[in-house]
Amino acid sequence: MACAVEQFDATPFDIDGVHFTHRGDRCTFDAMLDEFELKCPALERLTLAVRAADTNHHDLHPVAPGLLAVSAGLSRLYRDDQLRLAAGMALCDGFFR
């Protein structure tokens, strides 16, 4: 991890032992929104869906299984993290809108 962090001057996230990770029953997406004080109705709806999918509590939101399937599919479709990120960001922008 240190190599990639240094190479890209990146902030690691969603892994144990880093600042941006799961906190209790909340996921990394929750942590980032809290940290950057991002709030709006669309993000509140999206956050619940992401949390439900990411924490395997699919009962929290009806789209959670589909969101998890999309995420897993992107991981299989794109081995390159940058390509996966670009594809994922387009989807997240669509979900937000």
PDB file of N, CA and C in Angstrom:
ATOM      1  N   MET A   1       0.818  -1.189   0.000  1.00  0.00           N
ATOM      2  CA  MET A   1       0.000   0.000   0.000  1.00  0.00           C
ATOM      3  C   MET A   1       0.863   1.255   0.000  1.00  0.00           C
ATOM      4  N   ALA A   2       1.921   1.297   0.781  1.00  0.00           N
ATOM      5  CA  ALA A   2       2.746   2.498   0.878  1.00  0.00           C
ATOM      6  C   ALA A   2       3.278   2.922  -0.482  1.00  0.00           C
ATOM      7  N   CYS A   3       3.634   1.959  -1.325  1.00  0.00           N
ATOM      8  CA  CYS A   3       4.149   2.283  -2.659  1.00  0.00           C
ATOM      9  C   CYS A   3       3.131   3.048  -3.483  1.00  0.00           C
ATOM     10  N   ALA A   4       1.909   2.555  -3.566  1.00  0.00           N
ATOM     11  CA  ALA A   4       0.860   3.210  -4.352  1.00  0.00           C
ATOM     12  C   ALA A   4       0.512   4.561  -3.748  1.00  0.00           C
ATOM     13  N   VAL A   5       0.466   4.635  -2.437  1.00  0.00           N
ATOM     14  CA  VAL A   5       0.155   5.895  -1.772  1.00  0.00           C
ATOM     15  C   VAL A   5       1.204   6.938  -2.126  1.00  0.00           C
ATOM     16  N   GLU A   6       2.465   6.562  -2.050  1.00  0.00           N
ATOM     17  CA  GLU A   6       3.535   7.496  -2.378  1.00  0.00           C
ATOM     18  C   GLU A   6       3.569   7.811  -3.871  1.00  0.00           C
ATOM     19  N   GLN A   7       3.389   6.792  -4.705  1.00  0.00           N
ATOM     20  CA  GLN A   7       3.452   6.980  -6.158  1.00  0.00           C
ATOM     21  C   GLN A   7       2.399   7.967  -6.640  1.00  0.00           C
ATOM     22  N   PHE A   8       1.195   7.878  -6.109  1.00  0.00           N
ATOM     23  CA  PHE A   8       0.099   8.721  -6.575  1.00  0.00           C
ATOM     24  C   PHE A   8      -0.235   9.856  -5.612  1.00  0.00           C
ATOM     25  N   ASP A   9       0.549   9.996  -4.528  1.00  0.00           N
ATOM     26  CA  ASP A   9       0.247  10.974  -3.488  1.00  0.00           C
ATOM     27  C   ASP A   9      -1.212  10.823  -3.074  1.00  0.00           C
ATOM     28  N   ALA A  10      -1.595   9.578  -2.794  1.00  0.00           N
ATOM     29  CA  ALA A  10      -2.986   9.218  -2.564  1.00  0.00           C
ATOM     30  C   ALA A  10      -3.302   9.080  -1.083  1.00  0.00           C
ATOM     31  N   THR A  11      -4.582   9.117  -0.799  1.00  0.00           N
ATOM     32  CA  THR A  11      -5.093   8.848   0.541  1.00  0.00           C
ATOM     33  C   THR A  11      -5.748   7.473   0.508  1.00  0.00           C
ATOM     34  N   PRO A  12      -5.209   6.510   1.244  1.00  0.00           N
ATOM     35  CA  PRO A  12      -5.821   5.179   1.230  1.00  0.00           C
ATOM     36  C   PRO A  12      -7.177   5.203   1.924  1.00  0.00           C
ATOM     37  N   PHE A  13      -8.086   4.350   1.465  1.00  0.00           N
ATOM     38  CA  PHE A  13      -9.399   4.294   2.086  1.00  0.00           C
ATOM     39  C   PHE A  13     -10.000   2.902   1.949  1.00  0.00           C
ATOM     40  N   ASP A  14     -10.973   2.642   2.793  1.00  0.00           N
ATOM     41  CA  ASP A  14     -11.756   1.408   2.787  1.00  0.00           C
ATOM     42  C   ASP A  14     -10.919   0.163   3.083  1.00  0.00           C
ATOM     43  N   ILE A  15      -9.877   0.336   3.894  1.00  0.00           N
ATOM     44  CA  ILE A  15      -9.095  -0.798   4.391  1.00  0.00           C
ATOM     45  C   ILE A  15      -8.836  -0.571   5.878  1.00  0.00           C
ATOM     46  N   ASP A  16      -8.642  -1.648   6.595  1.00  0.00           N
ATOM     47  CA  ASP A  16      -8.403  -1.541   8.030  1.00  0.00           C
ATOM     48  C   ASP A  16      -7.172  -0.691   8.329  1.00  0.00           C
ATOM     49  N   GLY A  17      -7.272   0.096   9.373  1.00  0.00           N
ATOM     50  CA  GLY A  17      -6.120   0.848   9.860  1.00  0.00           C
ATOM     51  C   GLY A  17      -5.899   2.195   9.218  1.00  0.00           C
ATOM     52  N   VAL A  18      -6.804   2.646   8.356  1.00  0.00           N
ATOM     53  CA  VAL A  18      -6.653   3.976   7.761  1.00  0.00           C
ATOM     54  C   VAL A  18      -7.803   4.864   8.233  1.00  0.00           C
ATOM     55  N   HIS A  19      -7.659   6.160   8.012  1.00  0.00           N
ATOM     56  CA  HIS A  19      -8.650   7.125   8.504  1.00  0.00           C
ATOM     57  C   HIS A  19     -10.026   6.913   7.872  1.00  0.00           C
ATOM     58  N   PHE A  20     -10.069   6.773   6.560  1.00  0.00           N
ATOM     59  CA  PHE A  20     -11.343   6.610   5.860  1.00  0.00           C
ATOM     60  C   PHE A  20     -11.654   5.130   5.699  1.00  0.00           C
ATOM     61  N   THR A  21     -12.407   4.596   6.647  1.00  0.00           N
ATOM     62  CA  THR A  21     -12.790   3.193   6.599  1.00  0.00           C
ATOM     63  C   THR A  21     -14.110   3.034   7.352  1.00  0.00           C
ATOM     64  N   HIS A  22     -14.575   1.816   7.473  1.00  0.00           N
ATOM     65  CA  HIS A  22     -15.818   1.561   8.194  1.00  0.00           C
ATOM     66  C   HIS A  22     -15.670   1.992   9.652  1.00  0.00           C
ATOM     67  N   ARG A  23     -16.762   2.527  10.174  1.00  0.00           N
ATOM     68  CA  ARG A  23     -16.801   2.959  11.575  1.00  0.00           C
ATOM     69  C   ARG A  23     -18.102   2.434  12.176  1.00  0.00           C
ATOM     70  N   GLY A  24     -17.977   1.441  13.006  1.00  0.00           N
ATOM     71  CA  GLY A  24     -19.172   0.829  13.577  1.00  0.00           C
ATOM     72  C   GLY A  24     -20.009   0.190  12.482  1.00  0.00           C
ATOM     73  N   ASP A  25     -21.287   0.543  12.434  1.00  0.00           N
ATOM     74  CA  ASP A  25     -22.177  -0.015  11.413  1.00  0.00           C
ATOM     75  C   ASP A  25     -22.247   0.858  10.172  1.00  0.00           C
ATOM     76  N   ARG A  26     -21.372   1.848  10.101  1.00  0.00           N
ATOM     77  CA  ARG A  26     -21.362   2.765   8.959  1.00  0.00           C
ATOM     78  C   ARG A  26     -20.168   2.467   8.065  1.00  0.00           C
ATOM     79  N   CYS A  27     -20.326   2.759   6.780  1.00  0.00           N
ATOM     80  CA  CYS A  27     -19.286   2.410   5.808  1.00  0.00           C
ATOM     81  C   CYS A  27     -18.372   3.604   5.515  1.00  0.00           C
ATOM     82  N   THR A  28     -17.390   3.371   4.675  1.00  0.00           N
ATOM     83  CA  THR A  28     -16.415   4.396   4.315  1.00  0.00           C
ATOM     84  C   THR A  28     -17.080   5.597   3.660  1.00  0.00           C
ATOM     85  N   PHE A  29     -18.109   5.357   2.855  1.00  0.00           N
ATOM     86  CA  PHE A  29     -18.839   6.459   2.217  1.00  0.00           C
ATOM     87  C   PHE A  29     -19.418   7.385   3.286  1.00  0.00           C
ATOM     88  N   ASP A  30     -20.001   6.811   4.333  1.00  0.00           N
ATOM     89  CA  ASP A  30     -20.496   7.611   5.460  1.00  0.00           C
ATOM     90  C   ASP A  30     -19.368   8.447   6.059  1.00  0.00           C
ATOM     91  N   ALA A  31     -18.234   7.812   6.298  1.00  0.00           N
ATOM     92  CA  ALA A  31     -17.097   8.492   6.934  1.00  0.00           C
ATOM     93  C   ALA A  31     -16.628   9.678   6.096  1.00  0.00           C
ATOM     94  N   MET A  32     -16.565   9.496   4.794  1.00  0.00           N
ATOM     95  CA  MET A  32     -16.101  10.582   3.922  1.00  0.00           C
ATOM     96  C   MET A  32     -17.110  11.735   3.887  1.00  0.00           C
ATOM     97  N   LEU A  33     -18.387  11.406   3.803  1.00  0.00           N
ATOM     98  CA  LEU A  33     -19.394  12.466   3.809  1.00  0.00           C
ATOM     99  C   LEU A  33     -19.368  13.241   5.120  1.00  0.00           C
ATOM    100  N   ASP A  34     -19.202  12.530   6.224  1.00  0.00           N
ATOM    101  CA  ASP A  34     -19.101  13.203   7.527  1.00  0.00           C
ATOM    102  C   ASP A  34     -17.873  14.096   7.585  1.00  0.00           C
ATOM    103  N   GLU A  35     -16.741  13.554   7.179  1.00  0.00           N
ATOM    104  CA  GLU A  35     -15.473  14.295   7.248  1.00  0.00           C
ATOM    105  C   GLU A  35     -15.516  15.586   6.440  1.00  0.00           C
ATOM    106  N   PHE A  36     -16.098  15.520   5.244  1.00  0.00           N
ATOM    107  CA  PHE A  36     -16.124  16.687   4.355  1.00  0.00           C
ATOM    108  C   PHE A  36     -17.416  17.495   4.488  1.00  0.00           C
ATOM    109  N   GLU A  37     -18.262  17.092   5.454  1.00  0.00           N
ATOM    110  CA  GLU A  37     -19.513  17.789   5.743  1.00  0.00           C
ATOM    111  C   GLU A  37     -20.369  17.967   4.490  1.00  0.00           C
ATOM    112  N   LEU A  38     -20.504  16.889   3.731  1.00  0.00           N
ATOM    113  CA  LEU A  38     -21.322  16.904   2.514  1.00  0.00           C
ATOM    114  C   LEU A  38     -22.721  16.426   2.870  1.00  0.00           C
ATOM    115  N   LYS A  39     -23.710  17.277   2.613  1.00  0.00           N
ATOM    116  CA  LYS A  39     -25.085  16.951   2.964  1.00  0.00           C
ATOM    117  C   LYS A  39     -26.031  17.502   1.914  1.00  0.00           C
ATOM    118  N   CYS A  40     -26.934  16.669   1.488  1.00  0.00           N
ATOM    119  CA  CYS A  40     -28.046  17.075   0.639  1.00  0.00           C
ATOM    120  C   CYS A  40     -28.986  15.872   0.557  1.00  0.00           C
ATOM    121  N   PRO A  41     -30.231  16.081   0.203  1.00  0.00           N
ATOM    122  CA  PRO A  41     -31.177  14.961   0.156  1.00  0.00           C
ATOM    123  C   PRO A  41     -30.725  13.809  -0.745  1.00  0.00           C
ATOM    124  N   ALA A  42     -30.161  14.121  -1.901  1.00  0.00           N
ATOM    125  CA  ALA A  42     -29.726  13.059  -2.820  1.00  0.00           C
ATOM    126  C   ALA A  42     -28.619  12.217  -2.183  1.00  0.00           C
ATOM    127  N   LEU A  43     -27.659  12.863  -1.523  1.00  0.00           N
ATOM    128  CA  LEU A  43     -26.577  12.116  -0.866  1.00  0.00           C
ATOM    129  C   LEU A  43     -27.105  11.287   0.296  1.00  0.00           C
ATOM    130  N   GLU A  44     -28.080  11.795   1.007  1.00  0.00           N
ATOM    131  CA  GLU A  44     -28.658  11.021   2.111  1.00  0.00           C
ATOM    132  C   GLU A  44     -29.306   9.735   1.589  1.00  0.00           C
ATOM    133  N   ARG A  45     -30.028   9.826   0.470  1.00  0.00           N
ATOM    134  CA  ARG A  45     -30.642   8.625  -0.109  1.00  0.00           C
ATOM    135  C   ARG A  45     -29.566   7.674  -0.638  1.00  0.00           C
ATOM    136  N   LEU A  46     -28.576   8.212  -1.323  1.00  0.00           N
ATOM    137  CA  LEU A  46     -27.504   7.394  -1.878  1.00  0.00           C
ATOM    138  C   LEU A  46     -26.685   6.739  -0.771  1.00  0.00           C
ATOM    139  N   THR A  47     -26.442   7.457   0.303  1.00  0.00           N
ATOM    140  CA  THR A  47     -25.642   6.928   1.405  1.00  0.00           C
ATOM    141  C   THR A  47     -26.273   5.688   2.010  1.00  0.00           C
ATOM    142  N   LEU A  48     -27.571   5.704   2.198  1.00  0.00           N
ATOM    143  CA  LEU A  48     -28.237   4.544   2.774  1.00  0.00           C
ATOM    144  C   LEU A  48     -28.098   3.332   1.850  1.00  0.00           C
ATOM    145  N   ALA A  49     -28.221   3.549   0.542  1.00  0.00           N
ATOM    146  CA  ALA A  49     -28.073   2.448  -0.414  1.00  0.00           C
ATOM    147  C   ALA A  49     -26.644   1.909  -0.406  1.00  0.00           C
ATOM    148  N   VAL A  50     -25.658   2.799  -0.392  1.00  0.00           N
ATOM    149  CA  VAL A  50     -24.249   2.381  -0.379  1.00  0.00           C
ATOM    150  C   VAL A  50     -23.941   1.639   0.920  1.00  0.00           C
ATOM    151  N   ARG A  51     -24.389   2.176   2.043  1.00  0.00           N
ATOM    152  CA  ARG A  51     -24.147   1.520   3.327  1.00  0.00           C
ATOM    153  C   ARG A  51     -24.768   0.124   3.350  1.00  0.00           C
ATOM    154  N   ALA A  52     -25.980   0.013   2.857  1.00  0.00           N
ATOM    155  CA  ALA A  52     -26.665  -1.287   2.845  1.00  0.00           C
ATOM    156  C   ALA A  52     -25.893  -2.304   2.009  1.00  0.00           C
ATOM    157  N   ALA A  53     -25.394  -1.875   0.855  1.00  0.00           N
ATOM    158  CA  ALA A  53     -24.636  -2.786  -0.012  1.00  0.00           C
ATOM    159  C   ALA A  53     -23.264  -3.103   0.573  1.00  0.00           C
ATOM    160  N   ASP A  54     -22.578  -2.081   1.080  1.00  0.00           N
ATOM    161  CA  ASP A  54     -21.197  -2.246   1.531  1.00  0.00           C
ATOM    162  C   ASP A  54     -21.075  -2.989   2.855  1.00  0.00           C
ATOM    163  N   THR A  55     -22.096  -2.909   3.700  1.00  0.00           N
ATOM    164  CA  THR A  55     -22.040  -3.585   4.991  1.00  0.00           C
ATOM    165  C   THR A  55     -22.820  -4.896   4.995  1.00  0.00           C
ATOM    166  N   ASN A  56     -23.324  -5.274   3.834  1.00  0.00           N
ATOM    167  CA  ASN A  56     -24.090  -6.516   3.671  1.00  0.00           C
ATOM    168  C   ASN A  56     -25.351  -6.529   4.546  1.00  0.00           C
ATOM    169  N   HIS A  57     -25.973  -5.367   4.678  1.00  0.00           N
ATOM    170  CA  HIS A  57     -27.257  -5.228   5.359  1.00  0.00           C
ATOM    171  C   HIS A  57     -28.298  -4.820   4.310  1.00  0.00           C
ATOM    172  N   HIS A  58     -28.582  -5.729   3.417  1.00  0.00           N
ATOM    173  CA  HIS A  58     -29.431  -5.428   2.268  1.00  0.00           C
ATOM    174  C   HIS A  58     -30.855  -5.073   2.652  1.00  0.00           C
ATOM    175  N   ASP A  59     -31.235  -5.348   3.878  1.00  0.00           N
ATOM    176  CA  ASP A  59     -32.569  -4.986   4.346  1.00  0.00           C
ATOM    177  C   ASP A  59     -32.724  -3.474   4.545  1.00  0.00           C
ATOM    178  N   LEU A  60     -31.616  -2.723   4.568  1.00  0.00           N
ATOM    179  CA  LEU A  60     -31.680  -1.275   4.774  1.00  0.00           C
ATOM    180  C   LEU A  60     -32.191  -0.520   3.553  1.00  0.00           C
ATOM    181  N   HIS A  61     -31.982  -1.069   2.362  1.00  0.00           N
ATOM    182  CA  HIS A  61     -32.385  -0.361   1.140  1.00  0.00           C
ATOM    183  C   HIS A  61     -32.638  -1.370   0.031  1.00  0.00           C
ATOM    184  N   PRO A  62     -33.721  -1.213  -0.724  1.00  0.00           N
ATOM    185  CA  PRO A  62     -34.068  -2.219  -1.735  1.00  0.00           C
ATOM    186  C   PRO A  62     -33.090  -2.339  -2.904  1.00  0.00           C
ATOM    187  N   VAL A  63     -32.284  -1.322  -3.156  1.00  0.00           N
ATOM    188  CA  VAL A  63     -31.348  -1.407  -4.281  1.00  0.00           C
ATOM    189  C   VAL A  63     -29.991  -1.978  -3.879  1.00  0.00           C
ATOM    190  N   ALA A  64     -29.803  -2.278  -2.606  1.00  0.00           N
ATOM    191  CA  ALA A  64     -28.505  -2.748  -2.117  1.00  0.00           C
ATOM    192  C   ALA A  64     -27.970  -3.960  -2.869  1.00  0.00           C
ATOM    193  N   PRO A  65     -28.753  -5.006  -3.100  1.00  0.00           N
ATOM    194  CA  PRO A  65     -28.197  -6.156  -3.832  1.00  0.00           C
ATOM    195  C   PRO A  65     -27.741  -5.791  -5.249  1.00  0.00           C
ATOM    196  N   GLY A  66     -28.495  -4.943  -5.920  1.00  0.00           N
ATOM    197  CA  GLY A  66     -28.105  -4.516  -7.265  1.00  0.00           C
ATOM    198  C   GLY A  66     -26.844  -3.673  -7.249  1.00  0.00           C
ATOM    199  N   LEU A  67     -26.745  -2.788  -6.284  1.00  0.00           N
ATOM    200  CA  LEU A  67     -25.553  -1.947  -6.164  1.00  0.00           C
ATOM    201  C   LEU A  67     -24.317  -2.794  -5.887  1.00  0.00           C
ATOM    202  N   LEU A  68     -24.470  -3.786  -5.029  1.00  0.00           N
ATOM    203  CA  LEU A  68     -23.354  -4.703  -4.750  1.00  0.00           C
ATOM    204  C   LEU A  68     -22.972  -5.481  -6.009  1.00  0.00           C
ATOM    205  N   ALA A  69     -23.954  -5.917  -6.771  1.00  0.00           N
ATOM    206  CA  ALA A  69     -23.687  -6.655  -8.007  1.00  0.00           C
ATOM    207  C   ALA A  69     -22.953  -5.778  -9.023  1.00  0.00           C
ATOM    208  N   VAL A  70     -23.353  -4.526  -9.137  1.00  0.00           N
ATOM    209  CA  VAL A  70     -22.670  -3.596 -10.048  1.00  0.00           C
ATOM    210  C   VAL A  70     -21.223  -3.400  -9.615  1.00  0.00           C
ATOM    211  N   SER A  71     -21.013  -3.221  -8.321  1.00  0.00           N
ATOM    212  CA  SER A  71     -19.662  -3.033  -7.796  1.00  0.00           C
ATOM    213  C   SER A  71     -18.787  -4.257  -8.073  1.00  0.00           C
ATOM    214  N   ALA A  72     -19.326  -5.435  -7.815  1.00  0.00           N
ATOM    215  CA  ALA A  72     -18.568  -6.665  -8.085  1.00  0.00           C
ATOM    216  C   ALA A  72     -18.294  -6.810  -9.576  1.00  0.00           C
ATOM    217  N   GLY A  73     -19.274  -6.467 -10.383  1.00  0.00           N
ATOM    218  CA  GLY A  73     -19.089  -6.543 -11.835  1.00  0.00           C
ATOM    219  C   GLY A  73     -17.989  -5.618 -12.331  1.00  0.00           C
ATOM    220  N   LEU A  74     -17.934  -4.400 -11.794  1.00  0.00           N
ATOM    221  CA  LEU A  74     -16.869  -3.474 -12.185  1.00  0.00           C
ATOM    222  C   LEU A  74     -15.505  -4.016 -11.791  1.00  0.00           C
ATOM    223  N   SER A  75     -15.427  -4.664 -10.639  1.00  0.00           N
ATOM    224  CA  SER A  75     -14.155  -5.243 -10.207  1.00  0.00           C
ATOM    225  C   SER A  75     -13.688  -6.345 -11.156  1.00  0.00           C
ATOM    226  N   ARG A  76     -14.632  -7.066 -11.718  1.00  0.00           N
ATOM    227  CA  ARG A  76     -14.273  -8.135 -12.652  1.00  0.00           C
ATOM    228  C   ARG A  76     -14.026  -7.603 -14.060  1.00  0.00           C
ATOM    229  N   LEU A  77     -14.713  -6.519 -14.396  1.00  0.00           N
ATOM    230  CA  LEU A  77     -14.583  -5.950 -15.730  1.00  0.00           C
ATOM    231  C   LEU A  77     -13.278  -5.175 -15.891  1.00  0.00           C
ATOM    232  N   TYR A  78     -12.884  -4.467 -14.838  1.00  0.00           N
ATOM    233  CA  TYR A  78     -11.687  -3.618 -14.886  1.00  0.00           C
ATOM    234  C   TYR A  78     -10.688  -4.058 -13.826  1.00  0.00           C
ATOM    235  N   ARG A  79      -9.566  -4.586 -14.246  1.00  0.00           N
ATOM    236  CA  ARG A  79      -8.496  -4.928 -13.306  1.00  0.00           C
ATOM    237  C   ARG A  79      -7.700  -3.687 -12.915  1.00  0.00           C
ATOM    238  N   ASP A  80      -7.627  -2.719 -13.809  1.00  0.00           N
ATOM    239  CA  ASP A  80      -6.910  -1.471 -13.564  1.00  0.00           C
ATOM    240  C   ASP A  80      -7.768  -0.564 -12.668  1.00  0.00           C
ATOM    241  N   ASP A  81      -7.209  -0.172 -11.527  1.00  0.00           N
ATOM    242  CA  ASP A  81      -7.960   0.649 -10.577  1.00  0.00           C
ATOM    243  C   ASP A  81      -8.440   1.966 -11.172  1.00  0.00           C
ATOM    244  N   GLN A  82      -7.631   2.587 -12.012  1.00  0.00           N
ATOM    245  CA  GLN A  82      -8.012   3.876 -12.591  1.00  0.00           C
ATOM    246  C   GLN A  82      -9.201   3.730 -13.542  1.00  0.00           C
ATOM    247  N   LEU A  83      -9.208   2.671 -14.342  1.00  0.00           N
ATOM    248  CA  LEU A  83     -10.339   2.427 -15.240  1.00  0.00           C
ATOM    249  C   LEU A  83     -11.603   2.086 -14.445  1.00  0.00           C
ATOM    250  N   ARG A  84     -11.433   1.276 -13.404  1.00  0.00           N
ATOM    251  CA  ARG A  84     -12.569   0.924 -12.554  1.00  0.00           C
ATOM    252  C   ARG A  84     -13.133   2.166 -11.875  1.00  0.00           C
ATOM    253  N   LEU A  85     -12.263   3.031 -11.409  1.00  0.00           N
ATOM    254  CA  LEU A  85     -12.694   4.264 -10.760  1.00  0.00           C
ATOM    255  C   LEU A  85     -13.482   5.143 -11.728  1.00  0.00           C
ATOM    256  N   ALA A  86     -12.981   5.297 -12.948  1.00  0.00           N
ATOM    257  CA  ALA A  86     -13.674   6.132 -13.937  1.00  0.00           C
ATOM    258  C   ALA A  86     -15.067   5.581 -14.237  1.00  0.00           C
ATOM    259  N   ALA A  87     -15.172   4.279 -14.422  1.00  0.00           N
ATOM    260  CA  ALA A  87     -16.471   3.667 -14.701  1.00  0.00           C
ATOM    261  C   ALA A  87     -17.389   3.804 -13.485  1.00  0.00           C
ATOM    262  N   GLY A  88     -16.858   3.576 -12.309  1.00  0.00           N
ATOM    263  CA  GLY A  88     -17.642   3.679 -11.092  1.00  0.00           C
ATOM    264  C   GLY A  88     -18.126   5.101 -10.834  1.00  0.00           C
ATOM    265  N   MET A  89     -17.279   6.073 -11.135  1.00  0.00           N
ATOM    266  CA  MET A  89     -17.671   7.465 -10.926  1.00  0.00           C
ATOM    267  C   MET A  89     -18.835   7.844 -11.843  1.00  0.00           C
ATOM    268  N   ALA A  90     -18.814   7.371 -13.079  1.00  0.00           N
ATOM    269  CA  ALA A  90     -19.927   7.648 -13.996  1.00  0.00           C
ATOM    270  C   ALA A  90     -21.223   7.064 -13.444  1.00  0.00           C
ATOM    271  N   LEU A  91     -21.157   5.855 -12.911  1.00  0.00           N
ATOM    272  CA  LEU A  91     -22.349   5.254 -12.321  1.00  0.00           C
ATOM    273  C   LEU A  91     -22.814   6.031 -11.089  1.00  0.00           C
ATOM    274  N   CYS A  92     -21.880   6.387 -10.236  1.00  0.00           N
ATOM    275  CA  CYS A  92     -22.246   7.136  -9.019  1.00  0.00           C
ATOM    276  C   CYS A  92     -22.861   8.486  -9.375  1.00  0.00           C
ATOM    277  N   ASP A  93     -22.328   9.143 -10.389  1.00  0.00           N
ATOM    278  CA  ASP A  93     -22.916  10.408 -10.828  1.00  0.00           C
ATOM    279  C   ASP A  93     -24.355  10.188 -11.289  1.00  0.00           C
ATOM    280  N   GLY A  94     -24.580   9.091 -11.997  1.00  0.00           N
ATOM    281  CA  GLY A  94     -25.943   8.765 -12.437  1.00  0.00           C
ATOM    282  C   GLY A  94     -26.858   8.474 -11.256  1.00  0.00           C
ATOM    283  N   PHE A  95     -26.381   7.714 -10.290  1.00  0.00           N
ATOM    284  CA  PHE A  95     -27.196   7.423  -9.105  1.00  0.00           C
ATOM    285  C   PHE A  95     -27.525   8.711  -8.337  1.00  0.00           C
ATOM    286  N   PHE A  96     -26.552   9.605  -8.253  1.00  0.00           N
ATOM    287  CA  PHE A  96     -26.750  10.858  -7.540  1.00  0.00           C
ATOM    288  C   PHE A  96     -27.824  11.717  -8.224  1.00  0.00           C
ATOM    289  N   ARG A  97     -27.750  11.774  -9.548  1.00  0.00           N
ATOM    290  CA  ARG A  97     -28.718  12.600 -10.289  1.00  0.00           C
ATOM    291  C   ARG A  97     -30.110  12.035 -10.177  1.00  0.00           C
TER     292      ARG A  97
END
